[in-house]
Amino acid sequence: MDTLLDDRSKSKLRWRCRRGLLENDLFIERFFQRHEETLTVRQAEGLQLLMDLADNDLLDLLLARRELQGELDTAEVRDVLAQLREKSRAETNPPNRNA
């Protein structure tokens, strides 16, 4: 099992994840809401690598307009990217308004 990230490291990671594009911030905030309590060192490493990207390149990955390539295509980054792309149940199964 991976080591959980300590509170100080989580705080530093959150600060590092602040982005210039609101769209990126929305994906990242949703990620932290869902996974902050179980965030591991391995996930943090993958997220750090994604944060090295320019905002538009990151958004393209988050929206699946392109896929990981080269040295960024690692297990850690793939796992975190999948978590960042996760849709909520409400987005996946919108309420039936005709019922």
N, C-alpha and C. Protein backbone atom coordinates (compact mmCIF):
# COMPACT_ATOMS: atom_id res chain seq x y z
N MET A 1 0.84 -1.19 0.00
CA MET A 1 0.00 0.00 0.00
C MET A 1 0.88 1.25 0.00
N ASP A 2 0.46 2.25 -0.73
CA ASP A 2 1.22 3.49 -0.80
C ASP A 2 1.08 4.30 0.48
N THR A 3 2.09 5.08 0.77
CA THR A 3 2.10 5.93 1.94
C THR A 3 1.17 7.13 1.72
N LEU A 4 0.33 7.40 2.71
CA LEU A 4 -0.55 8.57 2.62
C LEU A 4 0.28 9.84 2.73
N LEU A 5 -0.18 10.86 2.06
CA LEU A 5 0.49 12.16 2.08
C LEU A 5 0.14 12.87 3.39
N ASP A 6 1.13 13.44 4.05
CA ASP A 6 0.86 14.15 5.31
C ASP A 6 0.21 15.51 5.02
N ASP A 7 -0.36 16.12 6.06
CA ASP A 7 -1.12 17.36 5.91
C ASP A 7 -0.29 18.50 5.34
N ARG A 8 0.94 18.63 5.79
CA ARG A 8 1.80 19.70 5.28
C ARG A 8 2.06 19.52 3.79
N SER A 9 2.33 18.29 3.37
CA SER A 9 2.58 18.01 1.96
C SER A 9 1.33 18.24 1.12
N LYS A 10 0.16 17.90 1.67
CA LYS A 10 -1.11 18.16 0.97
C LYS A 10 -1.31 19.65 0.76
N SER A 11 -1.01 20.42 1.79
CA SER A 11 -1.16 21.87 1.69
C SER A 11 -0.24 22.45 0.63
N LYS A 12 0.99 22.00 0.61
CA LYS A 12 1.95 22.47 -0.40
C LYS A 12 1.51 22.05 -1.81
N LEU A 13 0.99 20.83 -1.92
CA LEU A 13 0.52 20.34 -3.22
C LEU A 13 -0.67 21.16 -3.70
N ARG A 14 -1.60 21.45 -2.83
CA ARG A 14 -2.75 22.28 -3.20
C ARG A 14 -2.28 23.63 -3.74
N TRP A 15 -1.31 24.22 -3.05
CA TRP A 15 -0.79 25.52 -3.49
C TRP A 15 -0.15 25.38 -4.87
N ARG A 16 0.60 24.32 -5.06
CA ARG A 16 1.28 24.07 -6.35
C ARG A 16 0.28 23.85 -7.48
N CYS A 17 -0.91 23.37 -7.15
CA CYS A 17 -1.91 23.03 -8.17
C CYS A 17 -2.76 24.22 -8.60
N ARG A 18 -2.55 25.38 -8.03
CA ARG A 18 -3.31 26.56 -8.46
C ARG A 18 -2.96 26.87 -9.90
N ARG A 19 -3.98 27.10 -10.71
CA ARG A 19 -3.78 27.28 -12.14
C ARG A 19 -4.35 28.62 -12.61
N GLY A 20 -3.95 29.01 -13.82
CA GLY A 20 -4.43 30.25 -14.41
C GLY A 20 -5.77 30.11 -15.10
N LEU A 21 -6.13 28.90 -15.50
CA LEU A 21 -7.42 28.67 -16.16
C LEU A 21 -8.44 28.14 -15.16
N LEU A 22 -9.59 28.76 -15.10
CA LEU A 22 -10.65 28.33 -14.20
C LEU A 22 -11.04 26.87 -14.46
N GLU A 23 -11.08 26.48 -15.72
CA GLU A 23 -11.47 25.11 -16.06
C GLU A 23 -10.54 24.09 -15.39
N ASN A 24 -9.24 24.35 -15.43
CA ASN A 24 -8.29 23.47 -14.76
C ASN A 24 -8.52 23.45 -13.25
N ASP A 25 -8.75 24.63 -12.69
CA ASP A 25 -8.99 24.71 -11.24
C ASP A 25 -10.22 23.90 -10.83
N LEU A 26 -11.24 23.88 -11.67
CA LEU A 26 -12.45 23.12 -11.35
C LEU A 26 -12.16 21.62 -11.31
N PHE A 27 -11.41 21.13 -12.28
CA PHE A 27 -11.02 19.72 -12.28
C PHE A 27 -10.20 19.39 -11.03
N ILE A 28 -9.24 20.25 -10.71
CA ILE A 28 -8.33 20.00 -9.59
C ILE A 28 -9.08 20.08 -8.26
N GLU A 29 -9.96 21.05 -8.12
CA GLU A 29 -10.73 21.18 -6.88
C GLU A 29 -11.61 19.95 -6.66
N ARG A 30 -12.24 19.48 -7.72
CA ARG A 30 -13.07 18.28 -7.61
C ARG A 30 -12.21 17.07 -7.21
N PHE A 31 -11.01 16.99 -7.77
CA PHE A 31 -10.08 15.91 -7.41
C PHE A 31 -9.77 15.95 -5.92
N PHE A 32 -9.44 17.12 -5.40
CA PHE A 32 -9.11 17.23 -3.98
C PHE A 32 -10.33 16.95 -3.10
N GLN A 33 -11.51 17.37 -3.51
CA GLN A 33 -12.71 17.08 -2.73
C GLN A 33 -12.93 15.58 -2.60
N ARG A 34 -12.66 14.85 -3.64
CA ARG A 34 -12.90 13.42 -3.65
C ARG A 34 -11.77 12.60 -3.03
N HIS A 35 -10.54 13.04 -3.20
CA HIS A 35 -9.40 12.18 -2.89
C HIS A 35 -8.43 12.71 -1.85
N GLU A 36 -8.68 13.89 -1.31
CA GLU A 36 -7.70 14.50 -0.40
C GLU A 36 -7.38 13.62 0.81
N GLU A 37 -8.37 12.99 1.40
CA GLU A 37 -8.15 12.18 2.60
C GLU A 37 -7.36 10.90 2.32
N THR A 38 -7.36 10.44 1.08
CA THR A 38 -6.67 9.19 0.75
C THR A 38 -5.50 9.42 -0.21
N LEU A 39 -5.10 10.66 -0.37
CA LEU A 39 -4.04 11.02 -1.31
C LEU A 39 -2.70 10.41 -0.87
N THR A 40 -2.05 9.72 -1.81
CA THR A 40 -0.77 9.06 -1.51
C THR A 40 0.40 9.84 -2.09
N VAL A 41 1.57 9.49 -1.63
CA VAL A 41 2.80 10.09 -2.15
C VAL A 41 2.90 9.83 -3.65
N ARG A 42 2.55 8.64 -4.07
CA ARG A 42 2.61 8.25 -5.49
C ARG A 42 1.67 9.13 -6.32
N GLN A 43 0.45 9.35 -5.84
CA GLN A 43 -0.49 10.22 -6.55
C GLN A 43 0.03 11.65 -6.60
N ALA A 44 0.61 12.11 -5.51
CA ALA A 44 1.15 13.46 -5.47
C ALA A 44 2.26 13.62 -6.50
N GLU A 45 3.10 12.61 -6.67
CA GLU A 45 4.16 12.67 -7.67
C GLU A 45 3.58 12.79 -9.07
N GLY A 46 2.53 12.01 -9.36
CA GLY A 46 1.87 12.10 -10.66
C GLY A 46 1.24 13.46 -10.88
N LEU A 47 0.60 13.99 -9.86
CA LEU A 47 -0.03 15.30 -9.97
C LEU A 47 1.00 16.40 -10.17
N GLN A 48 2.13 16.30 -9.48
CA GLN A 48 3.21 17.28 -9.65
C GLN A 48 3.69 17.32 -11.10
N LEU A 49 3.82 16.15 -11.72
CA LEU A 49 4.26 16.11 -13.12
C LEU A 49 3.24 16.78 -14.02
N LEU A 50 1.97 16.58 -13.76
CA LEU A 50 0.94 17.25 -14.57
C LEU A 50 0.98 18.77 -14.38
N MET A 51 1.30 19.21 -13.18
CA MET A 51 1.33 20.65 -12.90
C MET A 51 2.49 21.35 -13.60
N ASP A 52 3.45 20.59 -14.11
CA ASP A 52 4.55 21.19 -14.86
C ASP A 52 4.12 21.60 -16.27
N LEU A 53 2.94 21.15 -16.68
CA LEU A 53 2.44 21.47 -18.02
C LEU A 53 1.89 22.89 -18.08
N ALA A 54 1.88 23.45 -19.27
CA ALA A 54 1.20 24.72 -19.50
C ALA A 54 -0.30 24.51 -19.33
N ASP A 55 -1.02 25.56 -18.96
CA ASP A 55 -2.45 25.44 -18.70
C ASP A 55 -3.23 24.82 -19.86
N ASN A 56 -2.98 25.26 -21.08
CA ASN A 56 -3.73 24.73 -22.22
C ASN A 56 -3.41 23.27 -22.48
N ASP A 57 -2.17 22.87 -22.28
CA ASP A 57 -1.80 21.46 -22.45
C ASP A 57 -2.47 20.59 -21.39
N LEU A 58 -2.52 21.09 -20.16
CA LEU A 58 -3.19 20.37 -19.09
C LEU A 58 -4.68 20.23 -19.39
N LEU A 59 -5.30 21.31 -19.84
CA LEU A 59 -6.73 21.26 -20.15
C LEU A 59 -7.01 20.25 -21.26
N ASP A 60 -6.16 20.20 -22.27
CA ASP A 60 -6.33 19.22 -23.35
C ASP A 60 -6.31 17.79 -22.80
N LEU A 61 -5.45 17.52 -21.85
CA LEU A 61 -5.40 16.20 -21.23
C LEU A 61 -6.65 15.94 -20.38
N LEU A 62 -7.05 16.92 -19.60
CA LEU A 62 -8.21 16.75 -18.73
C LEU A 62 -9.48 16.50 -19.53
N LEU A 63 -9.59 17.15 -20.69
CA LEU A 63 -10.78 16.98 -21.53
C LEU A 63 -10.63 15.83 -22.52
N ALA A 64 -9.52 15.10 -22.42
CA ALA A 64 -9.24 13.95 -23.29
C ALA A 64 -9.18 14.35 -24.76
N ARG A 65 -8.73 15.57 -25.02
CA ARG A 65 -8.50 15.99 -26.40
C ARG A 65 -7.18 15.43 -26.91
N ARG A 66 -6.33 15.06 -25.96
CA ARG A 66 -5.08 14.36 -26.29
C ARG A 66 -4.73 13.45 -25.13
N GLU A 67 -3.80 12.55 -25.37
CA GLU A 67 -3.41 11.58 -24.36
C GLU A 67 -1.95 11.81 -23.96
N LEU A 68 -1.55 11.17 -22.89
CA LEU A 68 -0.18 11.29 -22.39
C LEU A 68 0.81 10.75 -23.40
N GLN A 69 1.97 11.41 -23.45
CA GLN A 69 3.04 10.98 -24.36
C GLN A 69 4.38 11.12 -23.66
N GLY A 70 5.34 10.38 -24.17
CA GLY A 70 6.72 10.52 -23.73
C GLY A 70 6.93 10.23 -22.26
N GLU A 71 7.81 11.01 -21.64
CA GLU A 71 8.17 10.74 -20.25
C GLU A 71 7.04 11.06 -19.27
N LEU A 72 6.01 11.75 -19.73
CA LEU A 72 4.85 12.02 -18.89
C LEU A 72 3.93 10.80 -18.79
N ASP A 73 4.09 9.86 -19.69
CA ASP A 73 3.23 8.67 -19.74
C ASP A 73 3.75 7.61 -18.76
N THR A 74 3.47 7.85 -17.47
CA THR A 74 3.88 6.93 -16.41
C THR A 74 2.63 6.43 -15.70
N ALA A 75 2.78 5.36 -14.93
CA ALA A 75 1.64 4.80 -14.20
C ALA A 75 1.05 5.82 -13.23
N GLU A 76 1.90 6.56 -12.53
CA GLU A 76 1.43 7.55 -11.56
C GLU A 76 0.60 8.62 -12.23
N VAL A 77 1.09 9.14 -13.35
CA VAL A 77 0.38 10.20 -14.06
C VAL A 77 -0.92 9.67 -14.67
N ARG A 78 -0.87 8.47 -15.25
CA ARG A 78 -2.09 7.88 -15.82
C ARG A 78 -3.17 7.72 -14.76
N ASP A 79 -2.78 7.24 -13.58
CA ASP A 79 -3.76 7.04 -12.50
C ASP A 79 -4.38 8.35 -12.05
N VAL A 80 -3.56 9.35 -11.83
CA VAL A 80 -4.07 10.65 -11.38
C VAL A 80 -4.92 11.30 -12.47
N LEU A 81 -4.50 11.20 -13.71
CA LEU A 81 -5.27 11.77 -14.80
C LEU A 81 -6.65 11.11 -14.87
N ALA A 82 -6.71 9.81 -14.69
CA ALA A 82 -8.00 9.12 -14.69
C ALA A 82 -8.88 9.64 -13.56
N GLN A 83 -8.30 9.88 -12.39
CA GLN A 83 -9.06 10.41 -11.26
C GLN A 83 -9.52 11.85 -11.53
N LEU A 84 -8.66 12.63 -12.16
CA LEU A 84 -9.03 14.00 -12.49
C LEU A 84 -10.18 14.04 -13.50
N ARG A 85 -10.22 13.07 -14.40
CA ARG A 85 -11.25 13.02 -15.43
C ARG A 85 -12.57 12.42 -14.95
N GLU A 86 -12.57 11.79 -13.77
CA GLU A 86 -13.79 11.15 -13.25
C GLU A 86 -14.94 12.12 -13.21
N LYS A 87 -16.07 11.64 -13.65
CA LYS A 87 -17.28 12.44 -13.55
C LYS A 87 -18.04 12.03 -12.30
N SER A 88 -18.79 12.97 -11.76
CA SER A 88 -19.61 12.64 -10.60
C SER A 88 -20.80 11.81 -11.05
N ARG A 89 -21.47 11.17 -10.12
CA ARG A 89 -22.66 10.38 -10.46
C ARG A 89 -23.73 11.27 -11.09
N ALA A 90 -23.86 12.49 -10.62
CA ALA A 90 -24.87 13.39 -11.18
C ALA A 90 -24.58 13.71 -12.64
N GLU A 91 -23.29 13.86 -12.98
CA GLU A 91 -22.93 14.13 -14.37
C GLU A 91 -23.14 12.90 -15.24
N THR A 92 -22.88 11.73 -14.69
CA THR A 92 -23.00 10.49 -15.45
C THR A 92 -24.45 10.07 -15.61
N ASN A 93 -25.25 10.24 -14.56
CA ASN A 93 -26.66 9.84 -14.56
C ASN A 93 -27.53 11.03 -14.17
N PRO A 94 -27.80 11.95 -15.11
CA PRO A 94 -28.63 13.10 -14.75
C PRO A 94 -30.04 12.65 -14.37
N PRO A 95 -30.70 13.41 -13.50
CA PRO A 95 -32.05 13.02 -13.07
C PRO A 95 -33.00 12.99 -14.25
N ASN A 96 -33.96 12.08 -14.20
CA ASN A 96 -34.98 11.97 -15.24
C ASN A 96 -36.07 12.99 -14.94
N ARG A 97 -36.13 14.03 -15.72
CA ARG A 97 -37.08 15.12 -15.48
C ARG A 97 -38.47 14.81 -16.00
N ASN A 98 -38.61 13.74 -16.78
CA ASN A 98 -39.91 13.37 -17.33
C ASN A 98 -40.70 12.47 -16.39
N ALA A 99 -40.07 12.03 -15.31
CA ALA A 99 -40.73 11.08 -14.40
C ALA A 99 -41.70 11.77 -13.49
